[in-house]
Amino acid sequence: MNDDLDFDLGELAPADSATEETVEMVSIGDLSVLSQHHTAPYGSHSFVLAHDRSVTWGIPGAPQLVAIAVARDLSVSTFTMETSYHATLPFAQNWLVERGCPPERIALVGDEFAKPADDLTVQVEQQIRKSGTRYEVLDTYTSDVDLCETWTLTRDSSAVQTPVRVFHEEWDHEAGTYTMREGAFANVGAAQTWLDDRNGPLPEPPEYSDDNGAVVRARIARIALARSADVAAMQKAIRDAPCTPPPGPVQRPVQGRLL
């Protein structure tokens, strides 16, 4: 994780009033940078994914992850800045990808971040990151006390049946992992009832059991093979590496940020 954030805007002016308002609202001192990408060689664009620490003291349930996109027009010495708040990382990453950021450049890398608990979590996150404008976000909620979870309520423009989708994320702090699941509902009211009552398991999307179910299972199988290959490569690197002193204590990881 890189906490340093400098948009290098000292000699540039906001291109419009919307950018002026955005700059006034962004407090860099409150941001913990999770990932960032700056284009080269001319530095025309910057993409940042960060945790906004100030949100934890604000409205309960508010999204804590902020995606920031900066576009510079060096020919006239101006820039534009956009921000968007999200409850979960893949939706924030999707927003940045839609604005031109290469997906691999905004991925989280490092042992300080929580890891997906299973291959279905990886599949659901990849689905969101690559979804383009498929999902209309209707509401979100983030809980970072007691039960640590987030949910994102969406409308899926590609779904023929049960078009309202809930993406539910739950963290296991002790294990340093998290799960992400997709639930399908006929309407917003049914989804909200489940979120309020939790009277049963999250209903799986119908495509998990119809003809597309084979596609879903095949994707999960490929993810499992890729993760197994990564683990094997890591184990070999450890075996081949020279002996070194063990690392010092690290902070407890959670998905997307450190507590």
C-alpha atoms as a PDB file:
ATOM      1  CA  MET A   1       0.000   0.000   0.000  1.00  0.00           C
ATOM      2  CA  ASN A   2       1.264   3.463  -0.892  1.00  0.00           C
ATOM      3  CA  ASP A   3       0.054   6.295   1.341  1.00  0.00           C
ATOM      4  CA  ASP A   4       1.741   9.019  -0.747  1.00  0.00           C
ATOM      5  CA  LEU A   5      -0.669  10.940  -2.948  1.00  0.00           C
ATOM      6  CA  ASP A   6       0.313  13.919  -5.060  1.00  0.00           C
ATOM      7  CA  PHE A   7      -1.708  14.827  -8.149  1.00  0.00           C
ATOM      8  CA  ASP A   8       0.962  17.360  -9.208  1.00  0.00           C
ATOM      9  CA  LEU A   9      -1.601  20.052 -10.033  1.00  0.00           C
ATOM     10  CA  GLY A  10       0.401  23.036  -8.815  1.00  0.00           C
ATOM     11  CA  GLU A  11       0.692  24.716 -12.210  1.00  0.00           C
ATOM     12  CA  LEU A  12      -2.723  23.668 -13.511  1.00  0.00           C
ATOM     13  CA  ALA A  13      -6.139  25.302 -13.057  1.00  0.00           C
ATOM     14  CA  PRO A  14      -9.529  23.563 -12.704  1.00  0.00           C
ATOM     15  CA  ALA A  15     -11.170  23.306 -16.105  1.00  0.00           C
ATOM     16  CA  ASP A  16     -14.725  23.851 -14.815  1.00  0.00           C
ATOM     17  CA  SER A  17     -16.806  24.647 -11.750  1.00  0.00           C
ATOM     18  CA  ALA A  18     -17.559  20.972 -11.077  1.00  0.00           C
ATOM     19  CA  THR A  19     -13.832  20.300 -10.746  1.00  0.00           C
ATOM     20  CA  GLU A  20     -13.427  23.304  -8.435  1.00  0.00           C
ATOM     21  CA  GLU A  21     -16.126  21.890  -6.139  1.00  0.00           C
ATOM     22  CA  THR A  22     -14.574  18.420  -6.218  1.00  0.00           C
ATOM     23  CA  VAL A  23     -11.127  19.754  -5.310  1.00  0.00           C
ATOM     24  CA  GLU A  24     -12.614  21.613  -2.349  1.00  0.00           C
ATOM     25  CA  MET A  25     -14.348  18.459  -1.119  1.00  0.00           C
ATOM     26  CA  VAL A  26     -11.357  16.106  -1.396  1.00  0.00           C
ATOM     27  CA  SER A  27      -9.214  16.113   1.735  1.00  0.00           C
ATOM     28  CA  ILE A  28      -6.027  14.271   0.803  1.00  0.00           C
ATOM     29  CA  GLY A  29      -5.020  14.091   4.459  1.00  0.00           C
ATOM     30  CA  ASP A  30      -8.011  11.817   5.157  1.00  0.00           C
ATOM     31  CA  LEU A  31      -7.173   9.357   2.384  1.00  0.00           C
ATOM     32  CA  SER A  32      -5.246   6.110   2.716  1.00  0.00           C
ATOM     33  CA  VAL A  33      -4.182   5.203  -0.809  1.00  0.00           C
ATOM     34  CA  LEU A  34      -4.854   1.569  -1.680  1.00  0.00           C
ATOM     35  CA  SER A  35      -3.785   1.680  -5.314  1.00  0.00           C
ATOM     36  CA  GLN A  36      -2.923   4.332  -7.890  1.00  0.00           C
ATOM     37  CA  HIS A  37      -1.914   4.634 -11.523  1.00  0.00           C
ATOM     38  CA  HIS A  38      -0.481   7.649 -13.349  1.00  0.00           C
ATOM     39  CA  THR A  39      -0.028   7.624 -17.108  1.00  0.00           C
ATOM     40  CA  ALA A  40       3.362   8.221 -18.670  1.00  0.00           C
ATOM     41  CA  PRO A  41       5.284   9.884 -20.181  1.00  0.00           C
ATOM     42  CA  TYR A  42       3.172  13.054 -20.177  1.00  0.00           C
ATOM     43  CA  GLY A  43       1.130  12.458 -17.035  1.00  0.00           C
ATOM     44  CA  SER A  44      -2.204  13.186 -18.687  1.00  0.00           C
ATOM     45  CA  HIS A  45      -4.284  10.969 -16.358  1.00  0.00           C
ATOM     46  CA  SER A  46      -4.261   9.780 -12.750  1.00  0.00           C
ATOM     47  CA  PHE A  47      -6.433   7.071 -11.209  1.00  0.00           C
ATOM     48  CA  VAL A  48      -6.584   6.548  -7.454  1.00  0.00           C
ATOM     49  CA  LEU A  49      -8.388   4.096  -5.193  1.00  0.00           C
ATOM     50  CA  ALA A  50      -8.389   5.113  -1.522  1.00  0.00           C
ATOM     51  CA  HIS A  51     -10.048   4.619   1.845  1.00  0.00           C
ATOM     52  CA  ASP A  52     -11.528   7.831   3.234  1.00  0.00           C
ATOM     53  CA  ARG A  53     -10.937   7.666   6.995  1.00  0.00           C
ATOM     54  CA  SER A  54     -13.202  10.654   7.651  1.00  0.00           C
ATOM     55  CA  VAL A  55     -16.276   8.675   6.556  1.00  0.00           C
ATOM     56  CA  THR A  56     -16.008   6.376   9.577  1.00  0.00           C
ATOM     57  CA  TRP A  57     -16.928   9.381  11.763  1.00  0.00           C
ATOM     58  CA  GLY A  58     -19.761  10.559   9.529  1.00  0.00           C
ATOM     59  CA  ILE A  59     -23.142   9.134   8.542  1.00  0.00           C
ATOM     60  CA  PRO A  60     -23.436   5.478   9.666  1.00  0.00           C
ATOM     61  CA  GLY A  61     -23.367   3.066   6.742  1.00  0.00           C
ATOM     62  CA  ALA A  62     -21.874   5.522   4.250  1.00  0.00           C
ATOM     63  CA  PRO A  63     -19.461   4.067   1.653  1.00  0.00           C
ATOM     64  CA  GLN A  64     -15.824   4.437   2.667  1.00  0.00           C
ATOM     65  CA  LEU A  65     -13.959   3.733  -0.580  1.00  0.00           C
ATOM     66  CA  VAL A  66     -13.374   6.606  -2.979  1.00  0.00           C
ATOM     67  CA  ALA A  67     -12.271   6.392  -6.595  1.00  0.00           C
ATOM     68  CA  ILE A  68     -10.619   9.472  -8.075  1.00  0.00           C
ATOM     69  CA  ALA A  69      -9.962  10.209 -11.753  1.00  0.00           C
ATOM     70  CA  VAL A  70      -7.901  13.196 -12.882  1.00  0.00           C
ATOM     71  CA  ALA A  71      -7.481  14.231 -16.534  1.00  0.00           C
ATOM     72  CA  ARG A  72      -4.934  16.933 -17.406  1.00  0.00           C
ATOM     73  CA  ASP A  73      -4.935  19.040 -20.542  1.00  0.00           C
ATOM     74  CA  LEU A  74      -1.323  20.151 -20.549  1.00  0.00           C
ATOM     75  CA  SER A  75      -1.772  22.190 -23.734  1.00  0.00           C
ATOM     76  CA  VAL A  76      -3.937  24.715 -21.856  1.00  0.00           C
ATOM     77  CA  SER A  77      -2.698  23.963 -18.304  1.00  0.00           C
ATOM     78  CA  THR A  78      -6.047  22.766 -16.935  1.00  0.00           C
ATOM     79  CA  PHE A  79      -7.389  19.607 -15.321  1.00  0.00           C
ATOM     80  CA  THR A  80     -10.665  17.905 -14.461  1.00  0.00           C
ATOM     81  CA  MET A  81     -11.262  15.774 -11.358  1.00  0.00           C
ATOM     82  CA  GLU A  82     -14.068  13.298 -10.680  1.00  0.00           C
ATOM     83  CA  THR A  83     -14.725  11.259  -7.540  1.00  0.00           C
ATOM     84  CA  SER A  84     -17.103   8.419  -6.758  1.00  0.00           C
ATOM     85  CA  TYR A  85     -17.754   6.643  -3.434  1.00  0.00           C
ATOM     86  CA  HIS A  86     -18.336   2.885  -3.263  1.00  0.00           C
ATOM     87  CA  ALA A  87     -18.964   0.257  -0.615  1.00  0.00           C
ATOM     88  CA  THR A  88     -16.821  -2.431  -2.263  1.00  0.00           C
ATOM     89  CA  LEU A  89     -13.606  -2.484  -4.219  1.00  0.00           C
ATOM     90  CA  PRO A  90     -14.784  -4.100  -7.476  1.00  0.00           C
ATOM     91  CA  PHE A  91     -17.410  -1.393  -8.028  1.00  0.00           C
ATOM     92  CA  ALA A  92     -14.786   1.305  -7.393  1.00  0.00           C
ATOM     93  CA  GLN A  93     -12.375  -0.460  -9.755  1.00  0.00           C
ATOM     94  CA  ASN A  94     -15.113  -0.762 -12.382  1.00  0.00           C
ATOM     95  CA  TRP A  95     -15.719   2.997 -12.169  1.00  0.00           C
ATOM     96  CA  LEU A  96     -12.032   3.701 -12.765  1.00  0.00           C
ATOM     97  CA  VAL A  97     -11.784   1.183 -15.615  1.00  0.00           C
ATOM     98  CA  GLU A  98     -14.747   2.857 -17.309  1.00  0.00           C
ATOM     99  CA  ARG A  99     -12.710   6.087 -17.269  1.00  0.00           C
ATOM    100  CA  GLY A 100      -9.720   4.544 -18.966  1.00  0.00           C
ATOM    101  CA  CYS A 101      -7.650   2.942 -16.225  1.00  0.00           C
ATOM    102  CA  PRO A 102      -6.133  -0.439 -17.180  1.00  0.00           C
ATOM    103  CA  PRO A 103      -7.674  -3.017 -14.789  1.00  0.00           C
ATOM    104  CA  GLU A 104      -4.342  -4.524 -13.792  1.00  0.00           C
ATOM    105  CA  ARG A 105      -3.011  -1.100 -12.773  1.00  0.00           C
ATOM    106  CA  ILE A 106      -5.636  -0.556 -10.094  1.00  0.00           C
ATOM    107  CA  ALA A 107      -5.480  -3.992  -8.467  1.00  0.00           C
ATOM    108  CA  LEU A 108      -4.532  -4.329  -4.811  1.00  0.00           C
ATOM    109  CA  VAL A 109      -1.125  -5.900  -4.280  1.00  0.00           C
ATOM    110  CA  GLY A 110       0.415  -6.711  -0.929  1.00  0.00           C
ATOM    111  CA  ASP A 111       0.099  -8.930   2.115  1.00  0.00           C
ATOM    112  CA  GLU A 112      -1.521  -6.145   4.130  1.00  0.00           C
ATOM    113  CA  PHE A 113      -4.814  -6.598   2.274  1.00  0.00           C
ATOM    114  CA  ALA A 114      -7.397  -9.252   3.090  1.00  0.00           C
ATOM    115  CA  LYS A 115      -7.734 -12.054   0.536  1.00  0.00           C
ATOM    116  CA  PRO A 116     -10.784 -13.636  -1.123  1.00  0.00           C
ATOM    117  CA  ALA A 117     -11.899 -16.598   0.964  1.00  0.00           C
ATOM    118  CA  ASP A 118     -12.902 -18.747  -2.009  1.00  0.00           C
ATOM    119  CA  ASP A 119     -13.040 -18.972  -5.798  1.00  0.00           C
ATOM    120  CA  LEU A 120     -16.684 -17.907  -6.009  1.00  0.00           C
ATOM    121  CA  THR A 121     -15.704 -14.608  -4.376  1.00  0.00           C
ATOM    122  CA  VAL A 122     -13.043 -14.108  -7.059  1.00  0.00           C
ATOM    123  CA  GLN A 123     -15.588 -14.904  -9.786  1.00  0.00           C
ATOM    124  CA  VAL A 124     -18.191 -12.446  -8.479  1.00  0.00           C
ATOM    125  CA  GLU A 125     -15.594  -9.672  -8.106  1.00  0.00           C
ATOM    126  CA  GLN A 126     -14.300 -10.223 -11.646  1.00  0.00           C
ATOM    127  CA  GLN A 127     -17.888 -10.103 -12.911  1.00  0.00           C
ATOM    128  CA  ILE A 128     -18.392  -6.684 -11.305  1.00  0.00           C
ATOM    129  CA  ARG A 129     -15.061  -5.245 -12.452  1.00  0.00           C
ATOM    130  CA  LYS A 130     -15.761  -6.221 -16.068  1.00  0.00           C
ATOM    131  CA  SER A 131     -19.458  -5.277 -16.052  1.00  0.00           C
ATOM    132  CA  GLY A 132     -19.151  -1.833 -17.631  1.00  0.00           C
ATOM    133  CA  THR A 133     -22.456  -0.023 -17.105  1.00  0.00           C
ATOM    134  CA  ARG A 134     -24.447  -3.227 -16.533  1.00  0.00           C
ATOM    135  CA  TYR A 135     -25.275  -2.505 -12.884  1.00  0.00           C
ATOM    136  CA  GLU A 136     -27.188   0.554 -11.717  1.00  0.00           C
ATOM    137  CA  VAL A 137     -26.297   1.101  -8.067  1.00  0.00           C
ATOM    138  CA  LEU A 138     -29.422   1.899  -6.052  1.00  0.00           C
ATOM    139  CA  ASP A 139     -28.091   1.848  -2.494  1.00  0.00           C
ATOM    140  CA  THR A 140     -25.143   0.689  -0.373  1.00  0.00           C
ATOM    141  CA  TYR A 141     -24.331   0.058   3.262  1.00  0.00           C
ATOM    142  CA  THR A 142     -21.037  -0.409   5.105  1.00  0.00           C
ATOM    143  CA  SER A 143     -20.684  -1.762   8.644  1.00  0.00           C
ATOM    144  CA  ASP A 144     -17.214  -1.764  10.210  1.00  0.00           C
ATOM    145  CA  VAL A 145     -18.259  -2.584  13.792  1.00  0.00           C
ATOM    146  CA  ASP A 146     -19.575  -5.857  15.221  1.00  0.00           C
ATOM    147  CA  LEU A 147     -20.671  -7.627  12.015  1.00  0.00           C
ATOM    148  CA  CYS A 148     -18.223  -6.284   9.414  1.00  0.00           C
ATOM    149  CA  GLU A 149     -19.976  -6.334   6.072  1.00  0.00           C
ATOM    150  CA  THR A 150     -21.047  -4.281   3.086  1.00  0.00           C
ATOM    151  CA  TRP A 151     -23.848  -4.647   0.607  1.00  0.00           C
ATOM    152  CA  THR A 152     -24.542  -3.001  -2.730  1.00  0.00           C
ATOM    153  CA  LEU A 153     -28.097  -3.000  -4.071  1.00  0.00           C
ATOM    154  CA  THR A 154     -28.218  -2.836  -7.873  1.00  0.00           C
ATOM    155  CA  ARG A 155     -30.440  -3.254 -10.910  1.00  0.00           C
ATOM    156  CA  ASP A 156     -28.942  -5.621 -13.484  1.00  0.00           C
ATOM    157  CA  SER A 157     -29.722  -4.472 -17.034  1.00  0.00           C
ATOM    158  CA  SER A 158     -28.672  -7.884 -18.402  1.00  0.00           C
ATOM    159  CA  ALA A 159     -30.943  -9.976 -16.179  1.00  0.00           C
ATOM    160  CA  VAL A 160     -34.143 -11.326 -17.711  1.00  0.00           C
ATOM    161  CA  GLN A 161     -35.342 -12.758 -14.404  1.00  0.00           C
ATOM    162  CA  THR A 162     -34.944 -11.261 -10.907  1.00  0.00           C
ATOM    163  CA  PRO A 163     -33.202  -8.107 -12.148  1.00  0.00           C
ATOM    164  CA  VAL A 164     -32.514  -6.638  -8.698  1.00  0.00           C
ATOM    165  CA  ARG A 165     -29.170  -7.916  -7.425  1.00  0.00           C
ATOM    166  CA  VAL A 166     -27.546  -7.642  -4.000  1.00  0.00           C
ATOM    167  CA  PHE A 167     -23.787  -8.030  -3.697  1.00  0.00           C
ATOM    168  CA  HIS A 168     -23.068  -8.962  -0.094  1.00  0.00           C
ATOM    169  CA  GLU A 169     -19.537  -8.866   1.289  1.00  0.00           C
ATOM    170  CA  GLU A 170     -18.535 -10.171   4.719  1.00  0.00           C
ATOM    171  CA  TRP A 171     -15.090 -10.011   6.350  1.00  0.00           C
ATOM    172  CA  ASP A 172     -13.382 -12.519   8.635  1.00  0.00           C
ATOM    173  CA  HIS A 173     -10.823 -10.413  10.479  1.00  0.00           C
ATOM    174  CA  GLU A 174      -9.230 -13.352  12.250  1.00  0.00           C
ATOM    175  CA  ALA A 175      -8.572 -15.214   9.006  1.00  0.00           C
ATOM    176  CA  GLY A 176      -7.721 -12.072   7.021  1.00  0.00           C
ATOM    177  CA  THR A 177     -10.260 -13.062   4.331  1.00  0.00           C
ATOM    178  CA  TYR A 178     -13.636 -11.989   2.972  1.00  0.00           C
ATOM    179  CA  THR A 179     -16.460 -13.454   0.912  1.00  0.00           C
ATOM    180  CA  MET A 180     -18.582 -11.837  -1.796  1.00  0.00           C
ATOM    181  CA  ARG A 181     -21.921 -13.298  -2.862  1.00  0.00           C
ATOM    182  CA  GLU A 182     -24.572 -12.251  -5.391  1.00  0.00           C
ATOM    183  CA  GLY A 183     -28.268 -12.522  -4.586  1.00  0.00           C
ATOM    184  CA  ALA A 184     -31.199 -12.131  -6.983  1.00  0.00           C
ATOM    185  CA  PHE A 185     -34.622 -10.617  -6.274  1.00  0.00           C
ATOM    186  CA  ALA A 186     -37.734  -9.783  -8.268  1.00  0.00           C
ATOM    187  CA  ASN A 187     -37.881  -6.204  -7.005  1.00  0.00           C
ATOM    188  CA  VAL A 188     -36.280  -3.705  -4.657  1.00  0.00           C
ATOM    189  CA  GLY A 189     -38.842  -4.365  -1.938  1.00  0.00           C
ATOM    190  CA  ALA A 190     -37.994  -8.076  -1.777  1.00  0.00           C
ATOM    191  CA  ALA A 191     -34.286  -7.294  -1.670  1.00  0.00           C
ATOM    192  CA  GLN A 192     -34.729  -4.753   1.102  1.00  0.00           C
ATOM    193  CA  THR A 193     -36.809  -7.214   3.118  1.00  0.00           C
ATOM    194  CA  TRP A 194     -33.997  -9.771   2.953  1.00  0.00           C
ATOM    195  CA  LEU A 195     -31.420  -7.151   3.939  1.00  0.00           C
ATOM    196  CA  ASP A 196     -33.553  -6.080   6.900  1.00  0.00           C
ATOM    197  CA  ASP A 197     -34.617  -9.540   8.147  1.00  0.00           C
ATOM    198  CA  ARG A 198     -31.962 -11.981   6.838  1.00  0.00           C
ATOM    199  CA  ASN A 199     -34.668 -14.654   7.002  1.00  0.00           C
ATOM    200  CA  GLY A 200     -32.835 -17.314   5.003  1.00  0.00           C
ATOM    201  CA  PRO A 201     -29.825 -17.622   2.713  1.00  0.00           C
ATOM    202  CA  LEU A 202     -29.142 -15.066   0.000  1.00  0.00           C
ATOM    203  CA  PRO A 203     -31.127 -16.285  -3.063  1.00  0.00           C
ATOM    204  CA  GLU A 204     -28.780 -17.349  -5.853  1.00  0.00           C
ATOM    205  CA  PRO A 205     -29.229 -15.846  -9.328  1.00  0.00           C
ATOM    206  CA  PRO A 206     -31.200 -18.148 -11.645  1.00  0.00           C
ATOM    207  CA  GLU A 207     -28.305 -18.228 -14.096  1.00  0.00           C
ATOM    208  CA  TYR A 208     -26.344 -20.231 -11.514  1.00  0.00           C
ATOM    209  CA  SER A 209     -28.713 -23.145 -12.118  1.00  0.00           C
ATOM    210  CA  ASP A 210     -29.822 -22.733 -15.758  1.00  0.00           C
ATOM    211  CA  ASP A 211     -27.760 -23.341 -18.895  1.00  0.00           C
ATOM    212  CA  ASN A 212     -25.366 -20.572 -17.884  1.00  0.00           C
ATOM    213  CA  GLY A 213     -24.596 -22.455 -14.689  1.00  0.00           C
ATOM    214  CA  ALA A 214     -22.054 -24.516 -16.578  1.00  0.00           C
ATOM    215  CA  VAL A 215     -20.331 -21.316 -17.666  1.00  0.00           C
ATOM    216  CA  VAL A 216     -20.241 -20.044 -14.089  1.00  0.00           C
ATOM    217  CA  ARG A 217     -18.809 -23.325 -12.818  1.00  0.00           C
ATOM    218  CA  ALA A 218     -16.228 -23.384 -15.623  1.00  0.00           C
ATOM    219  CA  ARG A 219     -15.064 -19.873 -14.732  1.00  0.00           C
ATOM    220  CA  ILE A 220     -14.753 -20.819 -11.066  1.00  0.00           C
ATOM    221  CA  ALA A 221     -12.762 -23.918 -12.037  1.00  0.00           C
ATOM    222  CA  ARG A 222     -10.365 -21.802 -14.105  1.00  0.00           C
ATOM    223  CA  ILE A 223      -9.959 -19.400 -11.186  1.00  0.00           C
ATOM    224  CA  ALA A 224      -9.206 -22.319  -8.861  1.00  0.00           C
ATOM    225  CA  LEU A 225      -6.537 -23.637 -11.234  1.00  0.00           C
ATOM    226  CA  ALA A 226      -4.955 -20.199 -11.570  1.00  0.00           C
ATOM    227  CA  ARG A 227      -4.898 -19.694  -7.811  1.00  0.00           C
ATOM    228  CA  SER A 228      -3.388 -23.160  -7.321  1.00  0.00           C
ATOM    229  CA  ALA A 229      -0.660 -22.297  -9.816  1.00  0.00           C
ATOM    230  CA  ASP A 230       0.032 -19.046  -7.967  1.00  0.00           C
ATOM    231  CA  VAL A 231       0.298 -20.892  -4.650  1.00  0.00           C
ATOM    232  CA  ALA A 232       2.639 -23.486  -6.164  1.00  0.00           C
ATOM    233  CA  ALA A 233       4.866 -20.743  -7.584  1.00  0.00           C
ATOM    234  CA  MET A 234       4.922 -18.967  -4.215  1.00  0.00           C
ATOM    235  CA  GLN A 235       5.815 -22.178  -2.380  1.00  0.00           C
ATOM    236  CA  LYS A 236       8.659 -22.856  -4.802  1.00  0.00           C
ATOM    237  CA  ALA A 237       9.954 -19.305  -4.358  1.00  0.00           C
ATOM    238  CA  ILE A 238       9.922 -19.777  -0.587  1.00  0.00           C
ATOM    239  CA  ARG A 239      11.772 -23.079  -0.828  1.00  0.00           C
ATOM    240  CA  ASP A 240      14.407 -21.619  -3.138  1.00  0.00           C
ATOM    241  CA  ALA A 241      14.858 -18.370  -1.223  1.00  0.00           C
ATOM    242  CA  PRO A 242      17.795 -17.932   1.195  1.00  0.00           C
ATOM    243  CA  CYS A 243      17.016 -17.955   4.901  1.00  0.00           C
ATOM    244  CA  THR A 244      16.064 -14.533   6.214  1.00  0.00           C
ATOM    245  CA  PRO A 245      14.880 -13.302   9.613  1.00  0.00           C
ATOM    246  CA  PRO A 246      11.099 -13.455  10.071  1.00  0.00           C
ATOM    247  CA  PRO A 247       9.229 -10.209   9.430  1.00  0.00           C
ATOM    248  CA  GLY A 248       8.064  -8.041  12.289  1.00  0.00           C
ATOM    249  CA  PRO A 249       4.456  -7.810  13.398  1.00  0.00           C
ATOM    250  CA  VAL A 250       1.976  -6.472  10.869  1.00  0.00           C
ATOM    251  CA  GLN A 251      -1.368  -4.782  11.254  1.00  0.00           C
ATOM    252  CA  ARG A 252      -4.514  -6.874  11.005  1.00  0.00           C
ATOM    253  CA  PRO A 253      -5.725  -6.836   7.378  1.00  0.00           C
ATOM    254  CA  VAL A 254      -9.208  -6.202   6.144  1.00  0.00           C
ATOM    255  CA  GLN A 255     -10.427  -5.987   2.586  1.00  0.00           C
ATOM    256  CA  GLY A 256      -9.458  -2.669   1.071  1.00  0.00           C
ATOM    257  CA  ARG A 257      -7.918  -1.031   4.101  1.00  0.00           C
ATOM    258  CA  LEU A 258      -6.047  -1.468   7.386  1.00  0.00           C
ATOM    259  CA  LEU A 259      -7.589  -1.085  10.815  1.00  0.00           C
END
